[in-house]
């Protein structure tokens, strides 16, 4: 049976519409899928910028300007509050001996050790055990995470530091000069690094904890533009 020209035209139009519908659906899916992916990626806003070729020993893998500016009042340096029964160096108050107006520290950033200079606070993290309880790294970690989030800061994704990266910087800087105060050779896969950006300052915070033992912390602040 020979189909009429009108029927052929109607069928062709229908097929075109169906093809167009699936095409639009695919484009819509890809578009929104990309938007969702971008949204998820932006949650961790310190990911390396696309197309960058990171240079070892520099912070080119970390775009500090991509981090939202915190509008929170950070309070008195070194800004952090520890949970009850935890202390800096077993002292109830911050000791001025732990603060230097200018100092240096290496920070773990995406598997690289990045040097930063500025005003520092370096101390051990201890627990008053008069309550009969041991140092709990998970309890303290969660408290520090919340404290920094409350200040408008972010936590960088933890990427293990390799022995090769440790050797690249060298023991002289990291150990002898204490520029790796908050980095432990025995915990290179579990160094926690945080960052707070304000209108006038960049604040770097780094912690490593040994469960049921103690830990070390460095807080370094530098004025923007320095």
N, C-alpha and C. Protein backbone atom coordinates (compact mmCIF):
# COMPACT_ATOMS: atom_id res chain seq x y z
N UNK A 1 0.86 -1.19 0.00
CA UNK A 1 0.00 0.00 0.00
C UNK A 1 0.89 1.24 0.00
N UNK A 2 0.56 2.19 -0.86
CA UNK A 2 1.35 3.42 -0.97
C UNK A 2 0.84 4.44 0.04
N UNK A 3 1.77 4.96 0.87
CA UNK A 3 1.38 5.94 1.88
C UNK A 3 1.18 7.29 1.22
N UNK A 4 0.26 8.04 1.74
CA UNK A 4 -0.02 9.38 1.20
C UNK A 4 1.09 10.33 1.60
N UNK A 5 1.34 11.35 0.77
CA UNK A 5 2.38 12.34 1.09
C UNK A 5 2.15 13.00 2.45
N UNK A 6 0.90 13.28 2.79
CA UNK A 6 0.59 13.95 4.06
C UNK A 6 0.99 13.06 5.24
N UNK A 7 0.71 11.78 5.08
CA UNK A 7 1.03 10.85 6.18
C UNK A 7 2.54 10.74 6.36
N UNK A 8 3.25 10.73 5.21
CA UNK A 8 4.71 10.67 5.28
C UNK A 8 5.27 11.90 5.98
N UNK A 9 4.71 13.07 5.64
CA UNK A 9 5.17 14.32 6.25
C UNK A 9 4.91 14.32 7.75
N UNK A 10 3.68 13.86 8.14
CA UNK A 10 3.33 13.83 9.57
C UNK A 10 4.27 12.89 10.33
N UNK A 11 4.56 11.74 9.72
CA UNK A 11 5.45 10.77 10.37
C UNK A 11 6.86 11.35 10.53
N UNK A 12 7.33 12.03 9.50
CA UNK A 12 8.66 12.64 9.55
C UNK A 12 8.75 13.71 10.63
N UNK A 13 7.69 14.53 10.70
CA UNK A 13 7.66 15.58 11.73
C UNK A 13 7.67 14.97 13.11
N UNK A 14 6.87 13.88 13.28
CA UNK A 14 6.80 13.22 14.58
C UNK A 14 8.17 12.67 14.99
N UNK A 15 8.85 12.02 14.05
CA UNK A 15 10.17 11.46 14.34
C UNK A 15 11.18 12.56 14.68
N UNK A 16 11.08 13.67 13.97
CA UNK A 16 11.97 14.80 14.26
C UNK A 16 11.74 15.34 15.66
N UNK A 17 10.45 15.43 16.04
CA UNK A 17 10.11 15.94 17.37
C UNK A 17 10.65 15.02 18.45
N UNK A 18 10.51 13.70 18.23
CA UNK A 18 11.00 12.74 19.22
C UNK A 18 12.53 12.85 19.36
N UNK A 19 13.20 12.95 18.21
CA UNK A 19 14.66 13.08 18.23
C UNK A 19 15.09 14.35 18.94
N UNK A 20 14.37 15.44 18.66
CA UNK A 20 14.68 16.72 19.30
C UNK A 20 14.46 16.66 20.80
N UNK A 21 13.40 15.95 21.20
CA UNK A 21 13.08 15.82 22.63
C UNK A 21 14.20 15.10 23.36
N UNK A 22 14.67 13.97 22.79
CA UNK A 22 15.75 13.23 23.44
C UNK A 22 17.05 14.01 23.44
N UNK A 23 17.27 14.77 22.36
CA UNK A 23 18.47 15.60 22.28
C UNK A 23 18.47 16.64 23.37
N UNK A 24 17.32 17.32 23.54
CA UNK A 24 17.20 18.36 24.58
C UNK A 24 17.34 17.76 25.96
N UNK A 25 16.76 16.57 26.11
CA UNK A 25 16.83 15.91 27.42
C UNK A 25 18.27 15.58 27.76
N UNK A 26 19.01 15.09 26.72
CA UNK A 26 20.43 14.78 26.96
C UNK A 26 21.22 16.00 27.31
N UNK A 27 20.96 17.11 26.56
CA UNK A 27 21.67 18.36 26.83
C UNK A 27 21.32 18.87 28.21
N UNK A 28 20.04 18.77 28.58
CA UNK A 28 19.61 19.23 29.90
C UNK A 28 20.28 18.43 30.99
N UNK A 29 20.33 17.08 30.75
CA UNK A 29 20.95 16.22 31.75
C UNK A 29 22.42 16.54 31.90
N UNK A 30 23.09 16.75 30.75
CA UNK A 30 24.51 17.07 30.82
C UNK A 30 24.73 18.41 31.47
N UNK A 31 23.86 19.37 31.15
CA UNK A 31 24.01 20.71 31.70
C UNK A 31 23.85 20.69 33.21
N UNK A 32 22.76 20.09 33.67
CA UNK A 32 22.52 20.08 35.11
C UNK A 32 23.50 19.15 35.83
N UNK A 33 23.90 18.08 35.11
CA UNK A 33 24.90 17.20 35.72
C UNK A 33 26.19 17.94 35.94
N UNK A 34 26.57 18.76 34.96
CA UNK A 34 27.79 19.55 35.09
C UNK A 34 27.65 20.56 36.21
N UNK A 35 26.48 21.18 36.32
CA UNK A 35 26.23 22.17 37.37
C UNK A 35 26.35 21.53 38.75
N UNK A 36 25.78 20.33 38.87
CA UNK A 36 25.85 19.62 40.15
C UNK A 36 27.29 19.27 40.47
N UNK A 37 28.02 18.79 39.46
CA UNK A 37 29.42 18.44 39.67
C UNK A 37 30.23 19.66 40.09
N UNK A 38 29.97 20.79 39.41
CA UNK A 38 30.68 22.02 39.77
C UNK A 38 30.35 22.43 41.19
N UNK A 39 29.07 22.28 41.56
CA UNK A 39 28.65 22.65 42.90
C UNK A 39 29.36 21.81 43.94
N UNK A 40 29.45 20.51 43.66
CA UNK A 40 30.13 19.60 44.59
C UNK A 40 31.60 19.96 44.67
N UNK A 41 32.21 20.23 43.52
CA UNK A 41 33.63 20.57 43.51
C UNK A 41 33.90 21.85 44.28
N UNK A 42 32.97 22.80 44.17
CA UNK A 42 33.17 24.09 44.82
C UNK A 42 33.05 24.01 46.34
N UNK A 43 32.44 22.93 46.83
CA UNK A 43 32.38 22.76 48.27
C UNK A 43 33.79 22.63 48.81
N UNK A 44 34.63 21.91 48.06
CA UNK A 44 36.04 21.81 48.42
C UNK A 44 36.78 22.80 47.53
N UNK A 45 36.71 24.06 47.91
CA UNK A 45 37.14 25.14 47.01
C UNK A 45 38.65 25.28 46.91
N UNK A 46 39.39 24.38 47.54
CA UNK A 46 40.84 24.49 47.46
C UNK A 46 41.44 23.50 46.49
N UNK A 47 40.60 22.90 45.63
CA UNK A 47 41.13 21.97 44.65
C UNK A 47 42.00 22.73 43.64
N UNK A 48 43.01 22.04 43.09
CA UNK A 48 43.87 22.71 42.11
C UNK A 48 43.06 23.27 40.96
N UNK A 49 43.43 24.43 40.50
CA UNK A 49 42.73 25.04 39.38
C UNK A 49 42.99 24.24 38.11
N UNK A 50 41.99 24.17 37.25
CA UNK A 50 42.09 23.41 36.02
C UNK A 50 43.23 23.93 35.16
N UNK A 51 44.03 23.02 34.65
CA UNK A 51 45.09 23.41 33.74
C UNK A 51 46.38 23.81 34.42
N UNK A 52 46.38 23.84 35.75
CA UNK A 52 47.61 24.23 36.43
C UNK A 52 48.61 23.07 36.44
N UNK A 53 49.86 23.40 36.40
CA UNK A 53 50.92 22.42 36.57
C UNK A 53 51.65 22.78 37.85
N UNK A 54 51.25 22.19 38.98
CA UNK A 54 51.83 22.56 40.27
C UNK A 54 53.35 22.43 40.30
N UNK A 55 53.98 23.41 40.90
CA UNK A 55 55.43 23.40 41.06
C UNK A 55 55.75 23.00 42.49
N UNK A 56 56.48 21.90 42.70
CA UNK A 56 56.81 21.46 44.06
C UNK A 56 57.41 22.59 44.88
N UNK A 57 56.93 22.72 46.11
CA UNK A 57 57.47 23.74 46.99
C UNK A 57 56.79 25.08 46.88
N UNK A 58 55.77 25.18 46.04
CA UNK A 58 55.02 26.43 45.95
C UNK A 58 53.56 26.14 46.28
N UNK A 59 52.78 27.20 46.43
CA UNK A 59 51.36 27.01 46.74
C UNK A 59 50.49 27.15 45.49
N UNK A 60 51.06 26.87 44.32
CA UNK A 60 50.29 27.02 43.09
C UNK A 60 49.14 26.02 43.01
N UNK A 61 49.19 24.97 43.84
CA UNK A 61 48.10 23.99 43.83
C UNK A 61 46.94 24.45 44.71
N UNK A 62 47.08 25.59 45.34
CA UNK A 62 46.05 26.06 46.27
C UNK A 62 45.72 27.51 45.98
N UNK A 63 44.55 27.75 45.42
CA UNK A 63 44.11 29.10 45.10
C UNK A 63 43.40 29.69 46.32
N UNK A 64 44.12 30.42 47.14
CA UNK A 64 43.55 30.97 48.36
C UNK A 64 42.39 31.93 48.08
N UNK A 65 42.43 32.57 46.92
CA UNK A 65 41.36 33.52 46.58
C UNK A 65 40.04 32.84 46.26
N UNK A 66 40.07 31.51 46.08
CA UNK A 66 38.83 30.78 45.82
C UNK A 66 38.07 30.48 47.10
N UNK A 67 38.70 30.73 48.24
CA UNK A 67 38.06 30.47 49.53
C UNK A 67 37.24 31.69 49.94
N UNK A 68 35.97 31.49 50.31
CA UNK A 68 35.13 32.62 50.71
C UNK A 68 35.73 33.40 51.88
N UNK A 69 35.58 34.71 51.85
CA UNK A 69 36.05 35.56 52.94
C UNK A 69 35.15 35.39 54.15
N UNK A 70 35.75 35.11 55.29
CA UNK A 70 34.98 34.96 56.52
C UNK A 70 34.62 36.33 57.09
N UNK A 71 33.38 36.48 57.47
CA UNK A 71 32.93 37.73 58.08
C UNK A 71 32.86 37.60 59.61
N UNK A 72 33.32 36.46 60.13
CA UNK A 72 33.26 36.21 61.57
C UNK A 72 34.36 36.96 62.31
N UNK A 73 34.08 37.29 63.55
CA UNK A 73 35.08 37.88 64.42
C UNK A 73 35.95 36.75 64.95
N UNK A 74 37.20 36.70 64.55
CA UNK A 74 38.05 35.59 64.95
C UNK A 74 38.45 35.64 66.42
N UNK A 75 38.35 36.82 67.01
CA UNK A 75 38.72 36.94 68.41
C UNK A 75 40.21 37.11 68.59
N UNK A 76 40.70 36.68 69.72
CA UNK A 76 42.10 36.88 70.07
C UNK A 76 42.96 35.74 69.54
N UNK A 77 44.10 36.08 68.94
CA UNK A 77 45.05 35.09 68.46
C UNK A 77 45.47 34.17 69.60
N UNK A 78 45.50 32.86 69.39
CA UNK A 78 45.43 32.07 68.15
C UNK A 78 44.01 31.58 67.78
N UNK A 79 43.00 32.24 68.29
CA UNK A 79 41.63 32.10 67.82
C UNK A 79 40.88 30.84 68.29
N UNK A 80 41.55 29.72 68.40
CA UNK A 80 40.86 28.46 68.67
C UNK A 80 40.51 28.26 70.14
N UNK A 81 39.37 27.60 70.34
CA UNK A 81 38.97 27.19 71.68
C UNK A 81 38.96 25.67 71.75
N UNK A 82 39.59 25.13 72.77
CA UNK A 82 39.64 23.68 72.93
C UNK A 82 38.52 23.23 73.86
N UNK A 83 38.10 21.98 73.74
CA UNK A 83 37.06 21.47 74.65
C UNK A 83 37.57 21.42 76.09
N UNK A 84 36.66 21.39 77.01
CA UNK A 84 37.02 21.37 78.43
C UNK A 84 37.93 20.18 78.72
N UNK A 85 38.94 20.40 79.52
CA UNK A 85 39.96 19.44 79.96
C UNK A 85 41.10 19.28 78.97
N UNK A 86 41.00 19.92 77.79
CA UNK A 86 42.12 19.92 76.85
C UNK A 86 42.83 21.27 76.92
N UNK A 87 44.15 21.25 76.78
CA UNK A 87 44.93 22.48 76.96
C UNK A 87 46.07 22.57 75.95
N UNK A 88 46.62 23.78 75.83
CA UNK A 88 47.85 23.99 75.09
C UNK A 88 48.99 23.89 76.10
N UNK A 89 49.85 22.88 75.92
CA UNK A 89 51.02 22.71 76.81
C UNK A 89 50.65 22.60 78.29
N UNK A 90 49.53 22.02 78.61
CA UNK A 90 49.07 21.85 80.01
C UNK A 90 48.80 23.18 80.71
N UNK A 91 48.77 24.27 79.96
CA UNK A 91 48.56 25.59 80.57
C UNK A 91 47.12 26.05 80.34
N UNK A 92 46.53 26.64 81.35
CA UNK A 92 45.14 27.10 81.25
C UNK A 92 45.02 28.32 80.36
N UNK A 93 46.07 29.12 80.32
CA UNK A 93 46.06 30.32 79.50
C UNK A 93 47.10 30.19 78.38
N UNK A 94 46.88 30.94 77.30
CA UNK A 94 47.84 30.94 76.20
C UNK A 94 49.14 31.58 76.67
N UNK A 95 50.25 30.87 76.48
CA UNK A 95 51.54 31.40 76.89
C UNK A 95 52.16 32.23 75.78
N UNK A 96 52.62 33.42 76.13
CA UNK A 96 53.27 34.29 75.15
C UNK A 96 54.55 33.68 74.61
N UNK A 97 55.13 32.74 75.34
CA UNK A 97 56.37 32.10 74.89
C UNK A 97 56.13 31.21 73.67
N UNK A 98 54.88 30.87 73.42
CA UNK A 98 54.53 30.04 72.26
C UNK A 98 54.22 30.88 71.02
N UNK A 99 54.28 32.19 71.15
CA UNK A 99 53.93 33.08 70.05
C UNK A 99 55.18 33.81 69.55
N UNK A 100 55.35 33.82 68.23
CA UNK A 100 56.44 34.57 67.60
C UNK A 100 55.84 35.51 66.56
N UNK A 101 56.31 36.75 66.56
CA UNK A 101 55.78 37.73 65.61
C UNK A 101 56.11 37.37 64.17
N UNK A 102 57.24 36.69 63.98
CA UNK A 102 57.59 36.22 62.63
C UNK A 102 58.25 34.85 62.78
N UNK A 103 57.73 33.90 62.04
CA UNK A 103 58.24 32.53 62.11
C UNK A 103 57.86 31.83 60.81
N UNK A 104 58.22 30.58 60.72
CA UNK A 104 57.98 29.82 59.51
C UNK A 104 57.44 28.44 59.86
N UNK A 105 56.59 27.91 58.98
CA UNK A 105 56.08 26.55 59.16
C UNK A 105 55.74 25.99 57.78
N UNK A 106 55.94 24.68 57.64
CA UNK A 106 55.51 23.99 56.43
C UNK A 106 54.12 23.40 56.66
N UNK A 107 53.25 23.61 55.67
CA UNK A 107 51.88 23.10 55.78
C UNK A 107 51.62 22.05 54.71
N UNK A 108 50.92 21.00 55.10
CA UNK A 108 50.58 19.92 54.18
C UNK A 108 49.41 20.35 53.31
N UNK A 109 49.67 20.53 52.02
CA UNK A 109 48.64 20.98 51.07
C UNK A 109 48.64 20.03 49.88
N UNK A 110 47.63 19.19 49.82
CA UNK A 110 47.49 18.25 48.70
C UNK A 110 48.76 17.45 48.43
N UNK A 111 49.33 16.92 49.49
CA UNK A 111 50.49 16.05 49.34
C UNK A 111 51.82 16.77 49.22
N UNK A 112 51.79 18.11 49.27
CA UNK A 112 53.01 18.90 49.20
C UNK A 112 53.23 19.64 50.53
N UNK A 113 54.48 19.91 50.85
CA UNK A 113 54.82 20.69 52.03
C UNK A 113 55.11 22.11 51.58
N UNK A 114 54.21 23.02 51.94
CA UNK A 114 54.29 24.41 51.47
C UNK A 114 54.75 25.32 52.60
N UNK A 115 55.84 26.08 52.40
CA UNK A 115 56.33 26.98 53.45
C UNK A 115 55.50 28.26 53.53
N UNK A 116 55.21 28.67 54.75
CA UNK A 116 54.52 29.93 55.00
C UNK A 116 55.23 30.68 56.12
N UNK A 117 55.21 32.00 56.03
CA UNK A 117 55.82 32.82 57.07
C UNK A 117 54.82 33.82 57.61
N UNK A 118 54.89 34.08 58.90
CA UNK A 118 54.00 35.03 59.53
C UNK A 118 54.06 34.89 61.04
N UNK A 119 53.09 35.46 61.71
CA UNK A 119 53.00 35.34 63.16
C UNK A 119 52.51 33.94 63.49
N UNK A 120 53.18 33.27 64.43
CA UNK A 120 52.83 31.89 64.72
C UNK A 120 52.53 31.63 66.19
N UNK A 121 51.74 30.61 66.38
CA UNK A 121 51.51 30.02 67.70
C UNK A 121 51.76 28.53 67.52
N UNK A 122 52.72 28.00 68.27
CA UNK A 122 53.03 26.58 68.19
C UNK A 122 53.00 25.98 69.59
N UNK A 123 52.24 24.90 69.73
CA UNK A 123 52.08 24.30 71.06
C UNK A 123 51.71 22.83 70.95
N UNK A 124 51.92 22.12 72.03
CA UNK A 124 51.44 20.75 72.10
C UNK A 124 49.98 20.78 72.55
N UNK A 125 49.25 19.76 72.20
CA UNK A 125 47.86 19.60 72.63
C UNK A 125 47.83 18.50 73.68
N UNK A 126 47.38 18.86 74.86
CA UNK A 126 47.41 17.93 75.98
C UNK A 126 46.02 17.81 76.63
N UNK A 127 45.90 16.84 77.53
CA UNK A 127 44.64 16.67 78.27
C UNK A 127 44.89 16.57 79.76
N UNK A 128 44.10 17.33 80.51
CA UNK A 128 44.10 17.20 81.96
C UNK A 128 43.34 15.92 82.30
N UNK A 129 44.04 14.94 82.86
CA UNK A 129 43.45 13.62 83.06
C UNK A 129 42.91 13.40 84.46
N UNK A 130 42.65 14.50 85.16
CA UNK A 130 42.08 14.36 86.51
C UNK A 130 40.68 13.76 86.47
N UNK A 131 40.05 13.78 85.30
CA UNK A 131 38.72 13.17 85.18
C UNK A 131 38.81 11.67 84.92
N UNK A 132 40.04 11.16 84.88
CA UNK A 132 40.24 9.73 84.68
C UNK A 132 40.16 9.27 83.24
N UNK A 133 40.02 10.20 82.31
CA UNK A 133 39.91 9.84 80.89
C UNK A 133 41.20 10.16 80.14
N UNK A 134 41.46 9.34 79.13
CA UNK A 134 42.67 9.54 78.34
C UNK A 134 42.44 10.56 77.22
N UNK A 135 43.51 11.00 76.64
CA UNK A 135 43.48 11.88 75.48
C UNK A 135 42.73 11.16 74.35
N UNK A 136 41.73 11.82 73.77
CA UNK A 136 40.92 11.21 72.72
C UNK A 136 41.05 12.05 71.46
N UNK A 137 41.80 11.55 70.48
CA UNK A 137 42.08 12.33 69.28
C UNK A 137 40.82 12.61 68.47
N UNK A 138 39.89 11.66 68.44
CA UNK A 138 38.66 11.86 67.67
C UNK A 138 37.81 12.97 68.30
N UNK A 139 37.72 12.95 69.60
CA UNK A 139 36.96 13.99 70.31
C UNK A 139 37.56 15.37 70.05
N UNK A 140 38.87 15.46 70.14
CA UNK A 140 39.55 16.74 69.94
C UNK A 140 39.48 17.17 68.47
N UNK A 141 39.62 16.21 67.56
CA UNK A 141 39.56 16.53 66.13
C UNK A 141 38.22 17.13 65.76
N UNK A 142 37.15 16.53 66.24
CA UNK A 142 35.81 17.04 65.94
C UNK A 142 35.61 18.43 66.51
N UNK A 143 36.16 18.67 67.69
CA UNK A 143 36.04 19.98 68.31
C UNK A 143 36.79 21.04 67.49
N UNK A 144 37.99 20.70 67.02
CA UNK A 144 38.77 21.63 66.22
C UNK A 144 38.08 21.89 64.88
N UNK A 145 37.55 20.83 64.26
CA UNK A 145 36.81 20.97 63.00
C UNK A 145 35.68 21.98 63.16
N UNK A 146 34.91 21.82 64.23
CA UNK A 146 33.75 22.69 64.48
C UNK A 146 34.21 24.11 64.78
N UNK A 147 35.25 24.25 65.58
CA UNK A 147 35.75 25.58 65.95
C UNK A 147 36.16 26.37 64.73
N UNK A 148 36.86 25.73 63.80
CA UNK A 148 37.32 26.42 62.60
C UNK A 148 36.17 26.70 61.65
N UNK A 149 35.23 25.76 61.55
CA UNK A 149 34.05 26.00 60.72
C UNK A 149 33.25 27.17 61.25
N UNK A 150 33.14 27.28 62.58
CA UNK A 150 32.41 28.38 63.20
C UNK A 150 33.08 29.72 62.92
N UNK A 151 34.38 29.69 62.66
CA UNK A 151 35.12 30.92 62.35
C UNK A 151 35.09 31.24 60.85
N UNK A 152 34.38 30.39 60.09
CA UNK A 152 34.28 30.62 58.65
C UNK A 152 35.41 30.02 57.86
N UNK A 153 36.15 29.08 58.47
CA UNK A 153 37.26 28.45 57.78
C UNK A 153 36.89 27.16 57.09
N UNK A 154 37.84 26.58 56.39
CA UNK A 154 37.63 25.32 55.70
C UNK A 154 38.72 24.34 56.08
N UNK A 155 38.43 23.07 55.87
CA UNK A 155 39.42 22.01 56.09
C UNK A 155 39.85 21.47 54.74
N UNK A 156 41.16 21.45 54.50
CA UNK A 156 41.66 20.94 53.23
C UNK A 156 41.57 19.42 53.21
N UNK A 157 41.35 18.88 52.04
CA UNK A 157 41.33 17.44 51.88
C UNK A 157 42.70 16.89 52.22
N UNK A 158 42.74 15.83 53.04
CA UNK A 158 44.00 15.26 53.48
C UNK A 158 44.59 14.34 52.41
N UNK A 159 45.78 14.68 51.97
CA UNK A 159 46.53 13.84 51.02
C UNK A 159 47.85 13.49 51.69
N UNK A 160 48.18 12.22 51.82
CA UNK A 160 49.41 11.81 52.52
C UNK A 160 50.67 12.47 51.95
N UNK A 161 51.57 12.80 52.86
CA UNK A 161 52.88 13.31 52.48
C UNK A 161 53.81 12.11 52.29
N UNK A 162 54.46 12.02 51.15
CA UNK A 162 55.35 10.90 50.90
C UNK A 162 56.72 11.14 51.53
N UNK A 163 57.46 10.06 51.71
CA UNK A 163 58.82 10.19 52.23
C UNK A 163 59.68 11.02 51.28
N UNK A 164 59.39 10.90 49.98
CA UNK A 164 60.12 11.67 48.98
C UNK A 164 59.90 13.16 49.18
N UNK A 165 58.65 13.55 49.49
CA UNK A 165 58.35 14.96 49.72
C UNK A 165 59.02 15.44 51.00
N UNK A 166 59.02 14.59 52.02
CA UNK A 166 59.71 14.92 53.27
C UNK A 166 61.20 15.16 52.99
N UNK A 167 61.80 14.26 52.24
CA UNK A 167 63.23 14.38 51.93
C UNK A 167 63.51 15.61 51.08
N UNK A 168 62.55 15.98 50.23
CA UNK A 168 62.75 17.17 49.37
C UNK A 168 62.95 18.42 50.21
N UNK A 169 62.16 18.56 51.25
CA UNK A 169 62.29 19.73 52.13
C UNK A 169 63.51 19.58 53.02
N UNK A 170 63.66 18.39 53.62
CA UNK A 170 64.85 18.12 54.40
C UNK A 170 64.65 18.22 55.90
N UNK A 171 65.37 17.39 56.61
CA UNK A 171 65.27 17.31 58.06
C UNK A 171 65.76 18.58 58.74
N UNK A 172 66.71 19.28 58.10
CA UNK A 172 67.25 20.49 58.73
C UNK A 172 66.16 21.52 58.97
N UNK A 173 65.31 21.75 57.96
CA UNK A 173 64.20 22.70 58.12
C UNK A 173 63.10 22.14 59.01
N UNK A 174 62.72 20.89 58.76
CA UNK A 174 61.55 20.31 59.42
C UNK A 174 61.80 19.95 60.88
N UNK A 175 63.00 19.49 61.18
CA UNK A 175 63.29 19.03 62.54
C UNK A 175 64.18 20.01 63.30
N UNK A 176 65.34 20.28 62.75
CA UNK A 176 66.31 21.09 63.48
C UNK A 176 65.83 22.53 63.70
N UNK A 177 65.25 23.13 62.67
CA UNK A 177 64.75 24.50 62.79
C UNK A 177 63.31 24.57 63.29
N UNK A 178 62.69 23.38 63.45
CA UNK A 178 61.30 23.28 63.96
C UNK A 178 60.29 23.98 63.05
N UNK A 179 60.58 23.97 61.74
CA UNK A 179 59.62 24.53 60.78
C UNK A 179 58.59 23.48 60.34
N UNK A 180 58.73 22.30 60.94
CA UNK A 180 57.72 21.26 60.73
C UNK A 180 57.14 20.86 62.07
N UNK A 181 56.87 21.86 62.90
CA UNK A 181 56.44 21.61 64.27
C UNK A 181 55.16 20.78 64.34
N UNK A 182 54.23 21.06 63.44
CA UNK A 182 52.95 20.35 63.45
C UNK A 182 52.89 19.24 62.41
N UNK A 183 54.08 18.74 62.04
CA UNK A 183 54.18 17.61 61.11
C UNK A 183 54.95 16.49 61.80
N UNK A 184 54.38 15.30 61.80
CA UNK A 184 55.04 14.17 62.42
C UNK A 184 55.47 13.18 61.34
N UNK A 185 56.72 12.76 61.40
CA UNK A 185 57.24 11.79 60.44
C UNK A 185 56.48 10.47 60.56
N UNK A 186 55.91 10.22 61.73
CA UNK A 186 55.16 8.98 61.95
C UNK A 186 53.69 9.11 61.56
N UNK A 187 53.26 10.32 61.17
CA UNK A 187 51.84 10.53 60.84
C UNK A 187 51.70 11.36 59.56
N UNK A 188 52.51 11.05 58.57
CA UNK A 188 52.48 11.83 57.34
C UNK A 188 51.19 11.64 56.54
N UNK A 189 50.44 10.60 56.88
CA UNK A 189 49.19 10.36 56.15
C UNK A 189 47.97 10.91 56.88
N UNK A 190 48.20 11.62 57.97
CA UNK A 190 47.06 12.07 58.77
C UNK A 190 47.30 13.45 59.36
N UNK A 191 47.84 14.36 58.56
CA UNK A 191 48.06 15.73 59.00
C UNK A 191 46.85 16.56 58.56
N UNK A 192 46.24 17.26 59.50
CA UNK A 192 45.03 18.04 59.22
C UNK A 192 45.39 19.51 59.01
N UNK A 193 45.02 20.04 57.86
CA UNK A 193 45.34 21.44 57.53
C UNK A 193 44.05 22.22 57.28
N UNK A 194 44.00 23.43 57.82
CA UNK A 194 42.81 24.29 57.72
C UNK A 194 43.23 25.66 57.20
N UNK A 195 42.25 26.38 56.69
CA UNK A 195 42.55 27.73 56.17
C UNK A 195 41.35 28.64 56.41
N UNK A 196 41.65 29.85 56.90
CA UNK A 196 40.63 30.89 57.09
C UNK A 196 41.09 32.13 56.33
N UNK A 197 40.20 32.68 55.54
CA UNK A 197 40.52 33.89 54.79
C UNK A 197 39.62 35.02 55.27
N UNK A 198 40.23 36.11 55.69
CA UNK A 198 39.48 37.31 56.05
C UNK A 198 39.85 38.42 55.08
N UNK A 199 39.29 39.60 55.27
CA UNK A 199 39.60 40.72 54.39
C UNK A 199 41.04 41.17 54.53
N UNK A 200 41.63 40.91 55.69
CA UNK A 200 42.98 41.42 55.95
C UNK A 200 44.02 40.34 56.24
N UNK A 201 43.56 39.08 56.46
CA UNK A 201 44.49 38.05 56.89
C UNK A 201 44.25 36.71 56.20
N UNK A 202 45.32 35.94 56.14
CA UNK A 202 45.24 34.52 55.81
C UNK A 202 45.67 33.76 57.05
N UNK A 203 44.84 32.84 57.48
CA UNK A 203 45.14 32.07 58.68
C UNK A 203 45.30 30.59 58.31
N UNK A 204 46.46 30.06 58.61
CA UNK A 204 46.75 28.65 58.37
C UNK A 204 46.79 27.93 59.71
N UNK A 205 46.15 26.78 59.77
CA UNK A 205 46.13 25.98 61.01
C UNK A 205 46.45 24.54 60.64
N UNK A 206 47.34 23.95 61.39
CA UNK A 206 47.72 22.57 61.11
C UNK A 206 47.83 21.78 62.41
N UNK A 207 47.33 20.54 62.35
CA UNK A 207 47.25 19.71 63.55
C UNK A 207 47.63 18.27 63.21
N UNK A 208 48.38 17.64 64.10
CA UNK A 208 48.46 16.18 64.02
C UNK A 208 48.24 15.65 65.44
N UNK A 209 47.54 14.54 65.53
CA UNK A 209 47.14 13.99 66.82
C UNK A 209 47.54 12.52 66.91
N UNK A 210 47.98 12.12 68.08
CA UNK A 210 48.26 10.71 68.38
C UNK A 210 47.24 10.26 69.40
N UNK A 211 46.40 9.32 69.01
CA UNK A 211 45.32 8.89 69.90
C UNK A 211 45.85 8.37 71.23
N UNK A 212 45.20 8.82 72.30
CA UNK A 212 45.53 8.45 73.68
C UNK A 212 46.91 8.97 74.09
N UNK A 213 47.46 9.90 73.31
CA UNK A 213 48.77 10.45 73.64
C UNK A 213 48.71 11.98 73.76
N UNK A 214 48.88 12.67 72.64
CA UNK A 214 48.89 14.13 72.61
C UNK A 214 48.88 14.57 71.15
N UNK A 215 49.26 15.79 70.91
CA UNK A 215 49.31 16.28 69.54
C UNK A 215 50.08 17.58 69.46
N UNK A 216 50.26 18.09 68.27
CA UNK A 216 50.89 19.38 68.05
C UNK A 216 50.01 20.24 67.16
N UNK A 217 50.10 21.55 67.35
CA UNK A 217 49.30 22.47 66.54
C UNK A 217 50.12 23.70 66.19
N UNK A 218 49.93 24.19 64.99
CA UNK A 218 50.51 25.47 64.56
C UNK A 218 49.40 26.35 64.01
N UNK A 219 49.37 27.58 64.45
CA UNK A 219 48.47 28.59 63.88
C UNK A 219 49.36 29.70 63.34
N UNK A 220 49.26 29.97 62.05
CA UNK A 220 50.09 30.99 61.42
C UNK A 220 49.18 31.99 60.72
N UNK A 221 49.43 33.27 60.95
CA UNK A 221 48.62 34.31 60.33
C UNK A 221 49.54 35.29 59.60
N UNK A 222 49.14 35.65 58.39
CA UNK A 222 49.88 36.65 57.63
C UNK A 222 48.90 37.63 57.05
N UNK A 223 49.30 38.87 56.99
CA UNK A 223 48.44 39.90 56.43
C UNK A 223 48.36 39.73 54.92
N UNK A 224 47.18 39.97 54.38
CA UNK A 224 46.96 39.84 52.95
C UNK A 224 47.85 40.82 52.20
N UNK A 225 48.51 40.34 51.17
CA UNK A 225 49.38 41.20 50.37
C UNK A 225 50.83 41.11 50.77
N UNK A 226 51.11 40.42 51.89
CA UNK A 226 52.51 40.31 52.32
C UNK A 226 53.15 39.10 51.68
